[in-house]
Amino acid sequence: MLIRQRGWTDDEVEKLRNVYPSSASFPDLLDQFPNRSPNSIRLMASRLGLKRPNIFSGINKVSEKKTSARAGGGVLVRCSQCGGWIGVSVERASANGVVVCDHCGGVSLLTD
């Protein structure tokens, strides 16, 4: 048995254009469309070329990185905000890639 898909109304599309790119959480976004599944919302947003905000938008990539015995076999990374060096262990470097500077509190993203 096939389920007939209900088309999106112009009002729903307009609301999606306004709400989807906002910083509202996805559960909050789902509340705005009670008769739509998460998949249908994502699919329509994709068809409209809409994107959710990047959670890393305020985080800079690490500009410089070197291997260091001082960092416990890990790496030294240069803070993208204050320029100070941060020792990062191998475990910490591979866990999530987010590095917080001990000097300025700046957040950097460690990439390969």
N, C-alpha and C. Protein backbone atom coordinates (compact mmCIF):
# COMPACT_ATOMS: atom_id res chain seq x y z
N MET A 1 0.84 -1.19 0.00
CA MET A 1 0.00 0.00 0.00
C MET A 1 0.88 1.25 0.00
N LEU A 2 0.67 2.10 -0.93
CA LEU A 2 1.42 3.35 -1.02
C LEU A 2 0.69 4.45 -0.28
N ILE A 3 1.47 5.26 0.39
CA ILE A 3 0.89 6.41 1.09
C ILE A 3 1.06 7.63 0.20
N ARG A 4 -0.01 8.31 -0.05
CA ARG A 4 0.05 9.52 -0.88
C ARG A 4 0.70 10.64 -0.08
N GLN A 5 1.71 11.22 -0.69
CA GLN A 5 2.41 12.32 -0.03
C GLN A 5 1.61 13.61 -0.21
N ARG A 6 1.50 14.33 0.88
CA ARG A 6 0.78 15.60 0.86
C ARG A 6 1.75 16.69 0.43
N GLY A 7 1.38 17.47 -0.55
CA GLY A 7 2.24 18.55 -1.01
C GLY A 7 2.39 19.66 0.02
N TRP A 8 3.45 20.42 -0.13
CA TRP A 8 3.71 21.55 0.77
C TRP A 8 2.92 22.76 0.29
N THR A 9 2.27 23.44 1.22
CA THR A 9 1.55 24.66 0.87
C THR A 9 2.55 25.81 0.75
N ASP A 10 2.12 26.88 0.10
CA ASP A 10 2.99 28.06 -0.02
C ASP A 10 3.34 28.62 1.35
N ASP A 11 2.38 28.59 2.27
CA ASP A 11 2.63 29.09 3.63
C ASP A 11 3.68 28.25 4.34
N GLU A 12 3.60 26.92 4.18
CA GLU A 12 4.59 26.03 4.81
C GLU A 12 5.98 26.28 4.24
N VAL A 13 6.05 26.44 2.94
CA VAL A 13 7.35 26.69 2.29
C VAL A 13 7.93 28.00 2.78
N GLU A 14 7.11 29.03 2.87
CA GLU A 14 7.59 30.33 3.36
C GLU A 14 8.07 30.23 4.80
N LYS A 15 7.31 29.52 5.63
CA LYS A 15 7.71 29.34 7.03
C LYS A 15 9.04 28.57 7.10
N LEU A 16 9.18 27.53 6.28
CA LEU A 16 10.42 26.75 6.26
C LEU A 16 11.60 27.63 5.84
N ARG A 17 11.40 28.48 4.85
CA ARG A 17 12.47 29.39 4.41
C ARG A 17 12.92 30.32 5.55
N ASN A 18 12.00 30.70 6.41
CA ASN A 18 12.33 31.60 7.52
C ASN A 18 12.92 30.88 8.73
N VAL A 19 12.38 29.71 9.04
CA VAL A 19 12.74 29.02 10.28
C VAL A 19 13.96 28.11 10.12
N TYR A 20 14.07 27.39 9.00
CA TYR A 20 15.13 26.38 8.85
C TYR A 20 16.54 26.95 9.00
N PRO A 21 16.86 28.08 8.38
CA PRO A 21 18.23 28.62 8.52
C PRO A 21 18.48 29.32 9.86
N SER A 22 17.46 29.45 10.71
CA SER A 22 17.64 30.15 11.99
C SER A 22 18.41 29.27 12.97
N SER A 23 18.74 29.82 14.10
CA SER A 23 19.49 29.07 15.11
C SER A 23 18.57 28.25 16.02
N ALA A 24 17.29 28.15 15.68
CA ALA A 24 16.36 27.34 16.47
C ALA A 24 16.80 25.88 16.43
N SER A 25 16.62 25.19 17.54
CA SER A 25 17.00 23.77 17.58
C SER A 25 16.08 22.98 16.65
N PHE A 26 16.56 21.79 16.24
CA PHE A 26 15.73 20.99 15.34
C PHE A 26 14.41 20.56 15.99
N PRO A 27 14.41 20.18 17.29
CA PRO A 27 13.11 19.87 17.92
C PRO A 27 12.15 21.07 17.90
N ASP A 28 12.67 22.29 18.08
CA ASP A 28 11.82 23.48 17.99
C ASP A 28 11.28 23.64 16.57
N LEU A 29 12.12 23.34 15.60
CA LEU A 29 11.71 23.43 14.20
C LEU A 29 10.60 22.41 13.92
N LEU A 30 10.74 21.20 14.48
CA LEU A 30 9.70 20.17 14.29
C LEU A 30 8.37 20.62 14.87
N ASP A 31 8.41 21.37 15.97
CA ASP A 31 7.18 21.88 16.58
C ASP A 31 6.45 22.84 15.64
N GLN A 32 7.18 23.51 14.76
CA GLN A 32 6.58 24.44 13.81
C GLN A 32 5.83 23.71 12.69
N PHE A 33 6.19 22.41 12.49
CA PHE A 33 5.59 21.62 11.42
C PHE A 33 5.07 20.30 12.00
N PRO A 34 3.99 20.36 12.80
CA PRO A 34 3.52 19.16 13.51
C PRO A 34 3.04 18.03 12.59
N ASN A 35 2.66 18.34 11.36
CA ASN A 35 2.16 17.31 10.44
C ASN A 35 3.23 16.83 9.46
N ARG A 36 4.47 17.20 9.71
CA ARG A 36 5.58 16.81 8.83
C ARG A 36 6.60 15.98 9.59
N SER A 37 7.16 14.99 8.92
CA SER A 37 8.20 14.17 9.55
C SER A 37 9.54 14.90 9.45
N PRO A 38 10.50 14.54 10.30
CA PRO A 38 11.83 15.15 10.19
C PRO A 38 12.43 14.96 8.80
N ASN A 39 12.22 13.77 8.21
CA ASN A 39 12.76 13.52 6.87
C ASN A 39 12.13 14.42 5.83
N SER A 40 10.82 14.62 5.90
CA SER A 40 10.17 15.47 4.89
C SER A 40 10.64 16.92 5.02
N ILE A 41 10.89 17.36 6.24
CA ILE A 41 11.38 18.72 6.45
C ILE A 41 12.78 18.87 5.86
N ARG A 42 13.65 17.91 6.17
CA ARG A 42 15.02 17.97 5.63
C ARG A 42 15.03 17.90 4.10
N LEU A 43 14.19 17.03 3.55
CA LEU A 43 14.13 16.87 2.10
C LEU A 43 13.65 18.15 1.42
N MET A 44 12.60 18.76 1.94
CA MET A 44 12.10 20.00 1.34
C MET A 44 13.14 21.11 1.48
N ALA A 45 13.78 21.19 2.64
CA ALA A 45 14.82 22.21 2.84
C ALA A 45 15.95 22.01 1.83
N SER A 46 16.33 20.77 1.60
CA SER A 46 17.38 20.47 0.63
C SER A 46 16.95 20.90 -0.77
N ARG A 47 15.73 20.59 -1.13
CA ARG A 47 15.21 20.97 -2.45
C ARG A 47 15.17 22.48 -2.64
N LEU A 48 14.97 23.19 -1.53
CA LEU A 48 14.93 24.66 -1.58
C LEU A 48 16.33 25.28 -1.46
N GLY A 49 17.34 24.43 -1.21
CA GLY A 49 18.71 24.94 -1.06
C GLY A 49 18.97 25.57 0.30
N LEU A 50 18.16 25.23 1.29
CA LEU A 50 18.32 25.80 2.63
C LEU A 50 19.33 24.99 3.43
N LYS A 51 20.05 25.65 4.31
CA LYS A 51 21.03 24.99 5.16
C LYS A 51 20.84 25.44 6.60
N ARG A 52 21.11 24.52 7.54
CA ARG A 52 21.09 24.85 8.96
C ARG A 52 22.39 25.58 9.27
N PRO A 53 22.40 26.43 10.31
CA PRO A 53 23.64 27.12 10.67
C PRO A 53 24.70 26.13 11.13
N ASN A 54 25.94 26.44 10.81
CA ASN A 54 27.07 25.60 11.20
C ASN A 54 27.41 25.87 12.66
N ILE A 55 27.48 24.82 13.48
CA ILE A 55 27.79 25.03 14.90
C ILE A 55 29.22 25.49 15.09
N PHE A 56 30.07 25.29 14.07
CA PHE A 56 31.46 25.71 14.18
C PHE A 56 31.71 27.06 13.52
N SER A 57 30.66 27.83 13.25
CA SER A 57 30.84 29.08 12.51
C SER A 57 31.75 30.08 13.21
N GLY A 58 31.80 30.08 14.54
CA GLY A 58 32.65 31.02 15.26
C GLY A 58 34.01 30.45 15.62
N ILE A 59 34.33 29.27 15.09
CA ILE A 59 35.58 28.60 15.43
C ILE A 59 36.51 28.63 14.23
N ASN A 60 37.75 29.05 14.46
CA ASN A 60 38.74 29.08 13.39
C ASN A 60 39.51 27.78 13.36
N LYS A 61 39.98 27.39 12.16
CA LYS A 61 40.83 26.21 12.05
C LYS A 61 42.21 26.56 12.57
N VAL A 62 42.88 25.56 13.14
CA VAL A 62 44.25 25.75 13.62
C VAL A 62 45.12 26.06 12.42
N SER A 63 45.92 27.13 12.53
CA SER A 63 46.72 27.56 11.39
C SER A 63 48.07 26.85 11.31
N GLU A 64 48.58 26.40 12.44
CA GLU A 64 49.91 25.78 12.45
C GLU A 64 49.93 24.65 13.46
N LYS A 65 50.58 23.53 13.08
CA LYS A 65 50.60 22.36 13.95
C LYS A 65 51.93 21.65 13.78
N LYS A 66 52.55 21.18 14.87
CA LYS A 66 53.78 20.38 14.79
C LYS A 66 53.75 19.27 15.83
N THR A 67 54.43 18.17 15.50
CA THR A 67 54.55 17.07 16.45
C THR A 67 55.51 17.47 17.54
N SER A 68 55.22 17.06 18.78
CA SER A 68 56.05 17.48 19.89
C SER A 68 56.11 16.41 20.97
N ALA A 69 57.33 16.11 21.43
CA ALA A 69 57.50 15.19 22.56
C ALA A 69 56.99 15.86 23.83
N ARG A 70 57.09 17.19 23.90
CA ARG A 70 56.61 17.94 25.07
C ARG A 70 55.11 17.80 25.26
N ALA A 71 54.41 17.55 24.18
CA ALA A 71 52.95 17.42 24.25
C ALA A 71 52.57 15.96 24.47
N GLY A 72 53.47 15.17 25.06
CA GLY A 72 53.18 13.76 25.34
C GLY A 72 53.03 12.93 24.09
N GLY A 73 53.82 13.24 23.07
CA GLY A 73 53.73 12.51 21.81
C GLY A 73 52.61 13.04 20.92
N GLY A 74 51.91 14.04 21.39
CA GLY A 74 50.82 14.62 20.61
C GLY A 74 51.34 15.71 19.69
N VAL A 75 50.64 16.80 19.65
CA VAL A 75 51.02 17.90 18.77
C VAL A 75 50.96 19.23 19.52
N LEU A 76 51.70 20.19 18.99
CA LEU A 76 51.59 21.57 19.45
C LEU A 76 50.81 22.31 18.37
N VAL A 77 49.82 23.06 18.77
CA VAL A 77 49.05 23.84 17.80
C VAL A 77 49.08 25.30 18.20
N ARG A 78 49.12 26.16 17.19
CA ARG A 78 49.13 27.59 17.44
C ARG A 78 47.69 28.08 17.51
N CYS A 79 47.37 28.78 18.59
CA CYS A 79 46.03 29.33 18.77
C CYS A 79 45.75 30.32 17.64
N SER A 80 44.60 30.18 17.02
CA SER A 80 44.25 31.07 15.90
C SER A 80 43.85 32.46 16.36
N GLN A 81 43.68 32.65 17.69
CA GLN A 81 43.28 33.97 18.19
C GLN A 81 44.44 34.74 18.81
N CYS A 82 45.20 34.08 19.74
CA CYS A 82 46.26 34.83 20.43
C CYS A 82 47.66 34.47 19.92
N GLY A 83 47.77 33.39 19.14
CA GLY A 83 49.06 32.99 18.60
C GLY A 83 49.90 32.15 19.55
N GLY A 84 49.41 31.88 20.76
CA GLY A 84 50.14 31.05 21.71
C GLY A 84 50.12 29.59 21.30
N TRP A 85 51.08 28.82 21.84
CA TRP A 85 51.16 27.39 21.51
C TRP A 85 50.39 26.58 22.55
N ILE A 86 49.67 25.56 22.10
CA ILE A 86 48.86 24.71 22.96
C ILE A 86 49.32 23.26 22.76
N GLY A 87 49.70 22.58 23.85
CA GLY A 87 50.05 21.16 23.77
C GLY A 87 48.79 20.32 23.78
N VAL A 88 48.66 19.45 22.78
CA VAL A 88 47.46 18.62 22.65
C VAL A 88 47.88 17.15 22.59
N SER A 89 47.38 16.33 23.52
CA SER A 89 47.72 14.91 23.53
C SER A 89 47.09 14.21 22.32
N VAL A 90 47.62 13.04 21.99
CA VAL A 90 47.09 12.27 20.86
C VAL A 90 45.61 11.96 21.09
N GLU A 91 45.26 11.54 22.31
CA GLU A 91 43.86 11.21 22.60
C GLU A 91 42.95 12.42 22.43
N ARG A 92 43.39 13.55 22.93
CA ARG A 92 42.57 14.76 22.85
C ARG A 92 42.47 15.25 21.41
N ALA A 93 43.57 15.12 20.66
CA ALA A 93 43.57 15.58 19.28
C ALA A 93 42.63 14.75 18.41
N SER A 94 42.52 13.45 18.72
CA SER A 94 41.68 12.61 17.87
C SER A 94 40.25 12.49 18.39
N ALA A 95 39.99 12.94 19.62
CA ALA A 95 38.65 12.78 20.20
C ALA A 95 37.59 13.58 19.47
N ASN A 96 37.74 14.90 19.42
CA ASN A 96 36.70 15.70 18.74
C ASN A 96 37.26 16.84 17.92
N GLY A 97 38.56 17.08 18.00
CA GLY A 97 39.18 18.10 17.18
C GLY A 97 39.03 19.53 17.67
N VAL A 98 38.32 19.74 18.77
CA VAL A 98 38.14 21.09 19.30
C VAL A 98 39.19 21.33 20.37
N VAL A 99 39.94 22.43 20.24
CA VAL A 99 41.01 22.77 21.16
C VAL A 99 40.71 24.13 21.78
N VAL A 100 40.81 24.20 23.11
CA VAL A 100 40.59 25.47 23.82
C VAL A 100 41.94 25.97 24.31
N CYS A 101 42.27 27.21 24.00
CA CYS A 101 43.54 27.82 24.39
C CYS A 101 43.54 28.10 25.89
N ASP A 102 44.63 27.68 26.57
CA ASP A 102 44.76 27.93 28.00
C ASP A 102 45.04 29.41 28.29
N HIS A 103 45.57 30.14 27.30
CA HIS A 103 45.95 31.54 27.51
C HIS A 103 44.77 32.50 27.34
N CYS A 104 44.05 32.36 26.21
CA CYS A 104 43.00 33.34 25.93
C CYS A 104 41.59 32.74 25.96
N GLY A 105 41.49 31.42 26.04
CA GLY A 105 40.17 30.78 26.04
C GLY A 105 39.57 30.64 24.66
N GLY A 106 40.35 31.01 23.63
CA GLY A 106 39.86 30.89 22.26
C GLY A 106 39.67 29.44 21.86
N VAL A 107 38.71 29.20 21.00
CA VAL A 107 38.41 27.84 20.55
C VAL A 107 38.87 27.69 19.11
N SER A 108 39.60 26.60 18.84
CA SER A 108 40.09 26.33 17.50
C SER A 108 39.69 24.91 17.11
N LEU A 109 39.61 24.65 15.82
CA LEU A 109 39.26 23.34 15.31
C LEU A 109 40.49 22.71 14.71
N LEU A 110 40.88 21.56 15.25
CA LEU A 110 42.06 20.82 14.79
C LEU A 110 41.63 19.94 13.63
N THR A 111 42.21 20.14 12.46
CA THR A 111 41.87 19.34 11.28
C THR A 111 43.09 18.56 10.84
N ASP A 112 42.84 17.56 10.00
CA ASP A 112 43.96 16.74 9.48
C ASP A 112 44.81 17.51 8.51
